[in-house]
N, C-alpha and C. Protein backbone atom coordinates (compact mmCIF):
# COMPACT_ATOMS: atom_id res chain seq x y z
N UNK A 1 -22.47 36.77 68.69
CA UNK A 1 -22.64 37.18 67.30
C UNK A 1 -21.34 36.95 66.44
N UNK A 2 -21.39 36.20 65.28
CA UNK A 2 -19.85 36.13 64.37
C UNK A 2 -19.64 37.22 64.02
N UNK A 3 -18.37 37.41 63.78
CA UNK A 3 -17.62 38.67 63.34
C UNK A 3 -18.24 39.06 62.05
N UNK A 4 -18.90 38.20 61.22
CA UNK A 4 -19.25 38.68 59.89
C UNK A 4 -20.45 39.37 59.71
N UNK A 5 -20.92 39.60 61.33
CA UNK A 5 -22.05 40.47 61.36
C UNK A 5 -22.06 41.69 61.83
N UNK A 6 -20.82 41.98 62.06
CA UNK A 6 -20.06 43.39 62.53
C UNK A 6 -19.70 44.36 61.52
N UNK A 7 -20.20 45.57 61.45
CA UNK A 7 -19.75 46.38 60.61
C UNK A 7 -18.27 46.64 60.64
N UNK A 8 -17.60 47.14 59.58
CA UNK A 8 -16.11 47.13 59.76
C UNK A 8 -16.16 48.92 60.26
N UNK A 9 -14.90 48.75 60.97
CA UNK A 9 -14.53 50.10 61.79
C UNK A 9 -13.90 50.76 60.61
N UNK A 10 -13.85 52.27 60.86
CA UNK A 10 -13.14 53.02 59.66
C UNK A 10 -11.71 52.71 59.80
N UNK A 11 -11.18 52.02 60.96
CA UNK A 11 -9.48 51.61 60.55
C UNK A 11 -9.47 50.19 60.17
N UNK A 12 -10.77 49.58 59.71
CA UNK A 12 -10.57 48.54 59.01
C UNK A 12 -10.72 47.33 59.65
N UNK A 13 -10.50 47.67 61.14
CA UNK A 13 -10.84 46.20 62.18
C UNK A 13 -12.11 46.16 62.42
N UNK A 14 -12.42 44.81 62.69
CA UNK A 14 -13.93 44.38 62.88
C UNK A 14 -14.60 44.95 64.06
N UNK A 15 -15.62 45.20 64.40
CA UNK A 15 -16.37 45.95 65.49
C UNK A 15 -16.36 44.79 66.58
N UNK A 16 -16.65 45.16 67.78
CA UNK A 16 -16.62 44.24 68.89
C UNK A 16 -17.89 43.44 68.90
N UNK A 17 -17.75 41.99 69.10
CA UNK A 17 -18.62 41.13 68.83
C UNK A 17 -19.99 41.39 69.94
N UNK A 18 -19.63 42.20 70.77
CA UNK A 18 -20.77 42.28 71.73
C UNK A 18 -21.45 43.77 71.34
N UNK A 19 -21.00 44.60 70.21
CA UNK A 19 -21.70 45.57 69.91
C UNK A 19 -23.15 45.34 69.12
N UNK A 20 -24.11 45.76 69.33
CA UNK A 20 -25.34 45.62 68.88
C UNK A 20 -25.47 46.15 67.17
N UNK A 21 -26.08 45.19 66.38
CA UNK A 21 -25.81 45.73 64.70
C UNK A 21 -27.29 45.76 64.44
N UNK A 22 -27.56 46.99 63.79
CA UNK A 22 -28.97 47.33 63.19
C UNK A 22 -28.71 47.50 61.77
N UNK A 23 -29.67 46.69 60.95
CA UNK A 23 -29.54 46.58 59.74
C UNK A 23 -30.60 47.61 59.27
N UNK A 24 -30.63 48.14 58.03
CA UNK A 24 -31.30 48.94 57.51
C UNK A 24 -32.25 48.08 56.50
N UNK A 25 -31.77 46.90 56.05
CA UNK A 25 -32.16 46.12 55.00
C UNK A 25 -32.62 44.57 55.63
N UNK A 26 -33.29 43.96 55.02
CA UNK A 26 -33.83 42.66 55.61
C UNK A 26 -33.81 41.83 54.47
N UNK A 27 -33.47 40.58 54.77
CA UNK A 27 -33.41 39.45 53.74
C UNK A 27 -34.44 38.41 54.21
N UNK A 28 -35.61 38.12 53.32
CA UNK A 28 -36.47 37.23 53.82
C UNK A 28 -36.52 35.94 52.34
N UNK A 29 -36.35 35.01 53.13
CA UNK A 29 -36.58 33.76 52.07
C UNK A 29 -37.94 33.34 52.21
N UNK A 30 -38.86 32.94 51.12
CA UNK A 30 -40.28 32.21 51.26
C UNK A 30 -40.15 31.12 50.46
N UNK A 31 -40.49 29.99 51.08
CA UNK A 31 -40.39 28.52 50.76
C UNK A 31 -42.07 27.64 50.74
N UNK A 32 -42.19 27.47 49.68
CA UNK A 32 -43.61 26.73 49.57
C UNK A 32 -43.48 25.43 50.63
N UNK A 33 -44.41 25.16 51.37
CA UNK A 33 -44.66 24.44 52.25
C UNK A 33 -44.96 22.93 52.12
N UNK A 34 -45.44 22.80 50.72
CA UNK A 34 -45.50 21.44 50.54
C UNK A 34 -44.70 20.70 49.45
N UNK A 35 -43.38 20.94 49.64
CA UNK A 35 -42.17 20.49 48.97
C UNK A 35 -41.64 19.47 49.90
N UNK A 36 -41.01 18.49 49.39
CA UNK A 36 -40.17 17.39 50.12
C UNK A 36 -39.01 18.51 50.77
N UNK A 37 -38.46 17.64 52.02
CA UNK A 37 -37.55 18.56 52.65
C UNK A 37 -36.41 18.89 51.96
N UNK A 38 -35.64 17.72 51.06
CA UNK A 38 -34.53 18.06 50.30
C UNK A 38 -34.92 19.14 49.25
N UNK A 39 -36.15 19.17 48.91
CA UNK A 39 -36.47 20.40 48.04
C UNK A 39 -36.52 21.77 48.64
N UNK A 40 -37.20 21.94 49.87
CA UNK A 40 -36.91 22.82 50.65
C UNK A 40 -35.63 23.47 51.10
N UNK A 41 -34.75 22.58 51.09
CA UNK A 41 -33.45 23.00 51.53
C UNK A 41 -32.62 23.25 50.22
N UNK A 42 -32.66 22.62 49.11
CA UNK A 42 -32.37 23.09 47.74
C UNK A 42 -32.84 24.58 47.44
N UNK A 43 -34.13 25.03 47.55
CA UNK A 43 -34.54 26.12 47.24
C UNK A 43 -33.95 27.14 48.07
N UNK A 44 -34.01 27.09 49.48
CA UNK A 44 -33.46 27.89 50.31
C UNK A 44 -32.03 28.35 50.00
N UNK A 45 -31.08 27.10 49.64
CA UNK A 45 -29.81 27.59 49.27
C UNK A 45 -29.55 28.54 47.97
N UNK A 46 -30.28 28.02 46.95
CA UNK A 46 -30.29 28.67 45.60
C UNK A 46 -30.84 30.06 45.74
N UNK A 47 -31.96 30.21 46.63
CA UNK A 47 -32.39 31.70 47.00
C UNK A 47 -31.27 32.22 47.73
N UNK A 48 -30.57 31.84 48.59
CA UNK A 48 -29.61 32.80 49.28
C UNK A 48 -28.58 33.05 48.42
N UNK A 49 -27.96 32.26 47.46
CA UNK A 49 -26.88 32.44 46.55
C UNK A 49 -27.50 33.84 45.69
N UNK A 50 -28.96 33.65 45.44
CA UNK A 50 -29.17 34.80 44.52
C UNK A 50 -29.11 36.14 45.15
N UNK A 51 -29.43 36.04 46.49
CA UNK A 51 -29.43 37.29 47.17
C UNK A 51 -28.01 37.79 47.25
N UNK A 52 -27.06 36.90 47.58
CA UNK A 52 -25.65 37.22 47.68
C UNK A 52 -25.05 37.86 46.41
N UNK A 53 -25.39 37.43 45.15
CA UNK A 53 -24.97 37.73 43.96
C UNK A 53 -25.67 39.19 43.80
N UNK A 54 -26.75 39.39 44.26
CA UNK A 54 -27.61 40.56 43.96
C UNK A 54 -27.02 41.59 44.63
N UNK A 55 -26.58 41.54 45.68
CA UNK A 55 -25.95 42.53 46.86
C UNK A 55 -24.63 41.94 47.34
N UNK A 56 -23.47 42.00 46.61
CA UNK A 56 -22.53 41.70 46.80
C UNK A 56 -21.76 42.56 48.12
N UNK A 57 -22.23 43.63 48.21
CA UNK A 57 -22.09 44.44 49.24
C UNK A 57 -22.33 44.19 50.75
N UNK A 58 -23.45 43.12 50.65
CA UNK A 58 -23.89 42.83 51.75
C UNK A 58 -22.97 41.42 52.22
N UNK A 59 -22.09 41.05 51.45
CA UNK A 59 -20.99 39.91 51.99
C UNK A 59 -19.98 40.66 53.06
N UNK A 60 -19.74 39.72 54.03
CA UNK A 60 -18.81 39.89 54.97
C UNK A 60 -17.47 39.33 54.50
N UNK A 61 -16.55 39.77 55.40
CA UNK A 61 -15.29 39.35 55.03
C UNK A 61 -15.00 37.75 55.13
N UNK A 62 -14.03 37.36 54.45
CA UNK A 62 -13.74 35.92 55.03
C UNK A 62 -13.44 35.54 56.23
N UNK A 63 -13.75 34.25 56.59
CA UNK A 63 -13.66 33.75 57.98
C UNK A 63 -12.19 33.23 57.97
N UNK A 64 -11.57 33.47 59.16
CA UNK A 64 -10.15 32.90 59.40
C UNK A 64 -10.13 32.28 60.61
N UNK A 65 -9.81 30.94 60.67
CA UNK A 65 -9.65 30.27 62.12
C UNK A 65 -8.54 30.68 63.03
N UNK A 66 -8.47 30.17 63.93
CA UNK A 66 -7.22 30.31 64.89
C UNK A 66 -5.98 29.96 64.32
N UNK A 67 -5.85 29.11 63.18
CA UNK A 67 -4.65 28.54 62.92
C UNK A 67 -4.39 29.50 61.34
N UNK A 68 -5.05 30.36 61.22
CA UNK A 68 -5.04 31.47 59.99
C UNK A 68 -5.48 30.93 58.57
N UNK A 69 -6.20 29.77 58.70
CA UNK A 69 -6.81 29.24 57.62
C UNK A 69 -7.89 29.96 56.94
N UNK A 70 -7.98 30.59 55.88
CA UNK A 70 -9.11 31.25 55.36
C UNK A 70 -10.29 30.47 54.84
N UNK A 71 -11.53 30.72 55.05
CA UNK A 71 -12.81 30.43 54.64
C UNK A 71 -13.51 31.41 53.77
N UNK A 72 -14.71 30.76 53.08
CA UNK A 72 -15.29 31.83 52.33
C UNK A 72 -16.18 32.59 53.08
N UNK A 73 -16.64 33.79 52.48
CA UNK A 73 -17.37 34.63 53.03
C UNK A 73 -18.88 34.34 53.00
N UNK A 74 -19.78 34.90 53.83
CA UNK A 74 -21.08 34.61 53.94
C UNK A 74 -21.91 36.28 54.12
N UNK A 75 -23.07 36.18 53.69
CA UNK A 75 -23.78 37.35 53.95
C UNK A 75 -23.55 37.74 55.15
N UNK A 76 -23.77 38.93 55.47
CA UNK A 76 -23.35 39.41 56.64
C UNK A 76 -24.77 40.02 57.50
N UNK A 77 -25.77 39.39 57.28
CA UNK A 77 -26.93 39.75 58.08
C UNK A 77 -27.72 38.61 57.99
N UNK A 78 -28.66 38.41 58.77
CA UNK A 78 -29.44 37.22 59.06
C UNK A 78 -30.57 37.36 57.90
N UNK A 79 -31.08 35.88 57.77
CA UNK A 79 -31.81 35.74 56.65
C UNK A 79 -33.34 34.79 57.42
N UNK A 80 -34.22 35.43 57.40
CA UNK A 80 -35.40 34.72 57.86
C UNK A 80 -36.17 34.25 56.68
N UNK A 81 -36.30 32.65 57.36
CA UNK A 81 -36.85 31.79 56.16
C UNK A 81 -38.55 31.57 56.69
N UNK A 82 -39.38 32.10 55.66
CA UNK A 82 -40.80 32.03 55.87
C UNK A 82 -41.37 30.79 55.00
N UNK A 83 -42.77 30.33 55.72
CA UNK A 83 -43.46 29.32 54.90
C UNK A 83 -44.50 29.85 54.29
N UNK A 84 -44.85 29.50 52.88
CA UNK A 84 -45.87 29.75 52.35
C UNK A 84 -46.73 28.85 51.45
N UNK A 85 -48.02 28.94 51.13
CA UNK A 85 -48.48 28.19 49.91
C UNK A 85 -48.33 28.85 48.77
N UNK A 86 -49.04 28.15 47.73
CA UNK A 86 -48.67 28.65 46.53
C UNK A 86 -49.51 30.38 46.26
N UNK A 87 -50.64 30.30 46.75
CA UNK A 87 -51.35 31.80 46.84
C UNK A 87 -50.49 32.69 47.56
N UNK A 88 -50.17 32.57 48.78
CA UNK A 88 -49.19 33.20 49.39
C UNK A 88 -47.83 33.65 48.84
N UNK A 89 -47.20 32.90 47.87
CA UNK A 89 -46.18 33.09 47.50
C UNK A 89 -46.26 34.13 46.11
N UNK A 90 -47.50 33.83 45.69
CA UNK A 90 -47.96 34.95 44.46
C UNK A 90 -48.44 36.11 44.96
N UNK A 91 -48.85 36.40 46.23
CA UNK A 91 -49.16 37.65 46.80
C UNK A 91 -47.84 38.23 47.48
N UNK A 92 -47.08 37.74 47.74
CA UNK A 92 -45.74 38.19 48.20
C UNK A 92 -44.87 38.64 46.79
N UNK A 93 -44.81 37.92 45.99
CA UNK A 93 -44.34 38.06 44.75
C UNK A 93 -44.78 39.61 43.98
N UNK A 94 -46.18 39.54 44.37
CA UNK A 94 -46.82 40.88 43.68
C UNK A 94 -46.61 42.07 44.58
N UNK A 95 -46.54 41.72 45.78
CA UNK A 95 -46.16 43.04 46.74
C UNK A 95 -44.69 43.27 46.59
N UNK A 96 -44.00 42.31 46.40
CA UNK A 96 -42.31 42.47 46.24
C UNK A 96 -42.18 43.63 45.01
N UNK A 97 -42.90 42.88 43.88
CA UNK A 97 -42.58 44.15 42.41
C UNK A 97 -43.35 45.17 42.82
N UNK A 98 -44.11 45.55 43.49
CA UNK A 98 -44.86 46.75 43.48
C UNK A 98 -43.78 47.41 44.48
N UNK A 99 -43.14 47.09 45.67
CA UNK A 99 -42.17 47.83 46.14
C UNK A 99 -40.89 47.90 45.82
N UNK A 100 -40.53 47.35 44.68
CA UNK A 100 -39.27 47.43 43.99
C UNK A 100 -38.34 46.73 44.78
N UNK A 101 -38.40 45.51 45.29
CA UNK A 101 -37.42 44.89 46.35
C UNK A 101 -36.54 44.18 45.35
N UNK A 102 -35.26 43.64 45.68
CA UNK A 102 -34.74 42.72 45.32
C UNK A 102 -35.46 41.46 45.11
N UNK A 103 -35.57 41.05 43.94
CA UNK A 103 -36.67 39.31 44.17
C UNK A 103 -35.84 38.50 43.13
N UNK A 104 -35.74 37.37 43.81
CA UNK A 104 -35.17 36.05 43.62
C UNK A 104 -36.19 35.03 43.30
N UNK A 105 -36.35 34.52 42.39
CA UNK A 105 -37.57 33.37 42.13
C UNK A 105 -36.81 32.09 42.00
N UNK A 106 -37.58 31.10 42.36
CA UNK A 106 -37.53 29.60 42.00
C UNK A 106 -38.62 29.20 41.67
N UNK A 107 -38.82 28.24 40.42
CA UNK A 107 -40.12 27.73 40.20
C UNK A 107 -40.01 26.44 39.96
N UNK A 108 -41.04 25.38 40.00
CA UNK A 108 -41.16 24.02 40.17
C UNK A 108 -40.28 23.52 38.90
N UNK A 109 -40.40 24.07 37.98
CA UNK A 109 -39.74 23.32 36.79
C UNK A 109 -38.08 23.56 36.88
N UNK A 110 -37.59 24.17 37.71
CA UNK A 110 -36.17 24.13 38.16
C UNK A 110 -35.65 22.98 38.72
N UNK A 111 -36.76 22.04 39.39
CA UNK A 111 -36.42 20.78 39.97
C UNK A 111 -35.84 19.89 38.82
N UNK A 112 -36.43 20.00 37.77
CA UNK A 112 -36.17 19.13 36.63
C UNK A 112 -34.96 19.04 35.69
N UNK A 113 -34.01 20.64 36.00
CA UNK A 113 -32.93 20.90 35.34
C UNK A 113 -31.69 20.45 35.98
N UNK A 114 -30.45 20.60 35.33
CA UNK A 114 -29.20 20.14 35.71
C UNK A 114 -28.32 21.41 35.66
N UNK A 115 -28.70 22.69 35.18
CA UNK A 115 -27.72 23.46 35.34
C UNK A 115 -28.56 25.14 35.17
N UNK A 116 -27.48 26.16 35.28
CA UNK A 116 -28.11 27.36 35.32
C UNK A 116 -28.77 27.94 33.94
N UNK A 117 -28.15 27.65 33.04
CA UNK A 117 -28.81 27.91 31.81
C UNK A 117 -30.19 27.30 31.53
N UNK A 118 -30.41 26.21 31.91
CA UNK A 118 -31.61 25.49 31.83
C UNK A 118 -32.57 26.05 32.90
N UNK A 119 -32.02 26.37 33.98
CA UNK A 119 -33.06 26.96 34.83
C UNK A 119 -33.70 28.31 34.12
N UNK A 120 -32.56 28.88 33.71
CA UNK A 120 -33.08 30.21 32.93
C UNK A 120 -34.29 30.23 31.95
N UNK A 121 -33.95 29.11 31.17
CA UNK A 121 -34.91 28.54 29.98
C UNK A 121 -36.43 28.35 30.51
N UNK A 122 -36.18 27.67 31.87
CA UNK A 122 -37.54 26.97 32.27
C UNK A 122 -38.35 28.24 33.14
N UNK A 123 -37.60 28.88 33.49
CA UNK A 123 -38.01 30.19 34.44
C UNK A 123 -38.75 31.13 33.08
N UNK A 124 -37.93 31.32 31.82
CA UNK A 124 -38.58 32.23 31.03
C UNK A 124 -40.01 31.89 30.14
N UNK A 125 -39.97 30.32 29.99
CA UNK A 125 -41.00 29.88 29.45
C UNK A 125 -42.26 29.58 30.61
N UNK A 126 -42.04 30.10 31.72
CA UNK A 126 -43.31 30.49 32.66
C UNK A 126 -44.35 31.44 32.20
N UNK A 127 -45.57 31.31 32.67
CA UNK A 127 -46.40 32.41 32.62
C UNK A 127 -45.99 33.67 33.33
N UNK A 128 -45.50 34.88 32.88
CA UNK A 128 -44.86 35.98 33.58
C UNK A 128 -45.87 36.28 34.52
N UNK A 129 -47.14 36.06 34.26
CA UNK A 129 -48.19 36.72 35.42
C UNK A 129 -48.45 35.68 36.46
N UNK A 130 -48.23 34.62 36.08
CA UNK A 130 -48.53 33.54 37.30
C UNK A 130 -47.44 32.40 37.02
N UNK A 131 -46.23 32.38 37.49
CA UNK A 131 -45.36 31.42 37.52
C UNK A 131 -45.57 30.62 38.62
N UNK A 132 -45.04 29.19 38.46
CA UNK A 132 -45.48 28.25 39.51
C UNK A 132 -44.20 28.17 40.49
N UNK A 133 -44.30 29.02 41.33
CA UNK A 133 -43.18 29.58 42.46
C UNK A 133 -43.46 28.36 43.43
N UNK A 134 -42.05 28.01 43.92
CA UNK A 134 -41.85 27.11 44.81
C UNK A 134 -41.02 27.98 46.20
N UNK A 135 -40.49 29.18 45.72
CA UNK A 135 -39.82 30.13 46.47
C UNK A 135 -39.58 31.10 46.09
N UNK A 136 -39.20 32.30 47.02
CA UNK A 136 -38.63 33.42 46.41
C UNK A 136 -37.81 34.16 47.81
N UNK A 137 -36.72 35.07 47.16
CA UNK A 137 -36.02 35.64 48.10
C UNK A 137 -36.08 36.94 47.89
N UNK A 138 -36.27 37.79 49.13
CA UNK A 138 -36.33 39.38 49.02
C UNK A 138 -35.33 39.75 49.67
N UNK A 139 -34.79 41.10 49.21
CA UNK A 139 -33.96 42.03 50.05
C UNK A 139 -34.41 43.54 49.82
N UNK A 140 -34.40 44.41 50.84
CA UNK A 140 -34.73 45.37 50.39
C UNK A 140 -34.91 46.49 51.82
N UNK A 141 -35.29 47.57 51.84
CA UNK A 141 -35.68 48.20 53.25
C UNK A 141 -36.33 47.33 54.09
N UNK A 142 -36.05 47.33 55.53
CA UNK A 142 -36.67 46.40 56.56
C UNK A 142 -38.09 46.23 56.40
N UNK A 143 -38.24 47.66 56.50
CA UNK A 143 -40.01 47.91 56.47
C UNK A 143 -40.73 47.55 55.37
N UNK A 144 -40.30 47.75 54.25
CA UNK A 144 -41.07 47.18 52.98
C UNK A 144 -40.93 45.55 53.02
N UNK A 145 -39.84 45.07 53.58
CA UNK A 145 -39.57 43.69 53.43
C UNK A 145 -40.80 43.09 54.55
N UNK A 146 -40.79 43.89 55.64
CA UNK A 146 -41.55 43.24 56.76
C UNK A 146 -43.09 43.41 56.30
N UNK A 147 -43.32 44.43 55.62
CA UNK A 147 -44.81 44.66 54.86
C UNK A 147 -44.95 43.59 54.06
N UNK A 148 -44.09 43.33 53.02
CA UNK A 148 -44.30 42.21 52.12
C UNK A 148 -44.73 40.79 52.59
N UNK A 149 -44.01 40.33 53.92
CA UNK A 149 -44.27 39.25 54.15
C UNK A 149 -45.18 38.93 55.45
N UNK A 150 -45.79 40.14 55.89
CA UNK A 150 -46.72 40.29 56.95
C UNK A 150 -47.79 38.94 56.76
N UNK A 151 -48.07 38.40 57.80
CA UNK A 151 -49.12 37.46 57.75
C UNK A 151 -48.34 36.00 57.63
N UNK A 152 -47.08 35.84 57.26
CA UNK A 152 -46.27 34.48 56.99
C UNK A 152 -45.82 34.13 58.18
N UNK A 153 -45.36 32.77 58.52
CA UNK A 153 -45.13 32.22 59.59
C UNK A 153 -43.42 31.85 59.20
N UNK A 154 -42.82 31.69 60.07
CA UNK A 154 -41.26 31.18 60.03
C UNK A 154 -41.61 29.70 59.57
N UNK A 155 -40.59 29.32 58.54
CA UNK A 155 -40.77 27.84 58.34
C UNK A 155 -40.26 27.36 59.42
N UNK A 156 -40.91 26.11 59.88
CA UNK A 156 -40.75 25.21 61.02
C UNK A 156 -39.83 24.12 60.29
């Protein structure tokens, strides 16, 4: 298990890589199944950055290689990526909103934009009760996330 998944000890040292880690939160990415492969990867990448931005406390420490070179930080817990069709995405969104989970959306119109401000504009133009979702990221208490994605399969 990478050191980034290990909790920090009180002395600031990283816990043993052999120590089991239990997370009280869970991260789930839900990506629509009918997208092209490049779109699925793009959606998953953007959703993961949304979760990292919403939960900076969940980021691990920077990686350092054996030569002392520093690399960027990553989310310090696993992310499960689930497959869903449009109806399932809408159901997941509704359940996540009801449970108060951190929710990051990606709508189809975002594929037509080229920058963040344009993404926010096309998202705002969506029907707030029925956005054309192609992906969602969720983070919250483990049991609540598990209930929200219940019945979905992991993306293949």
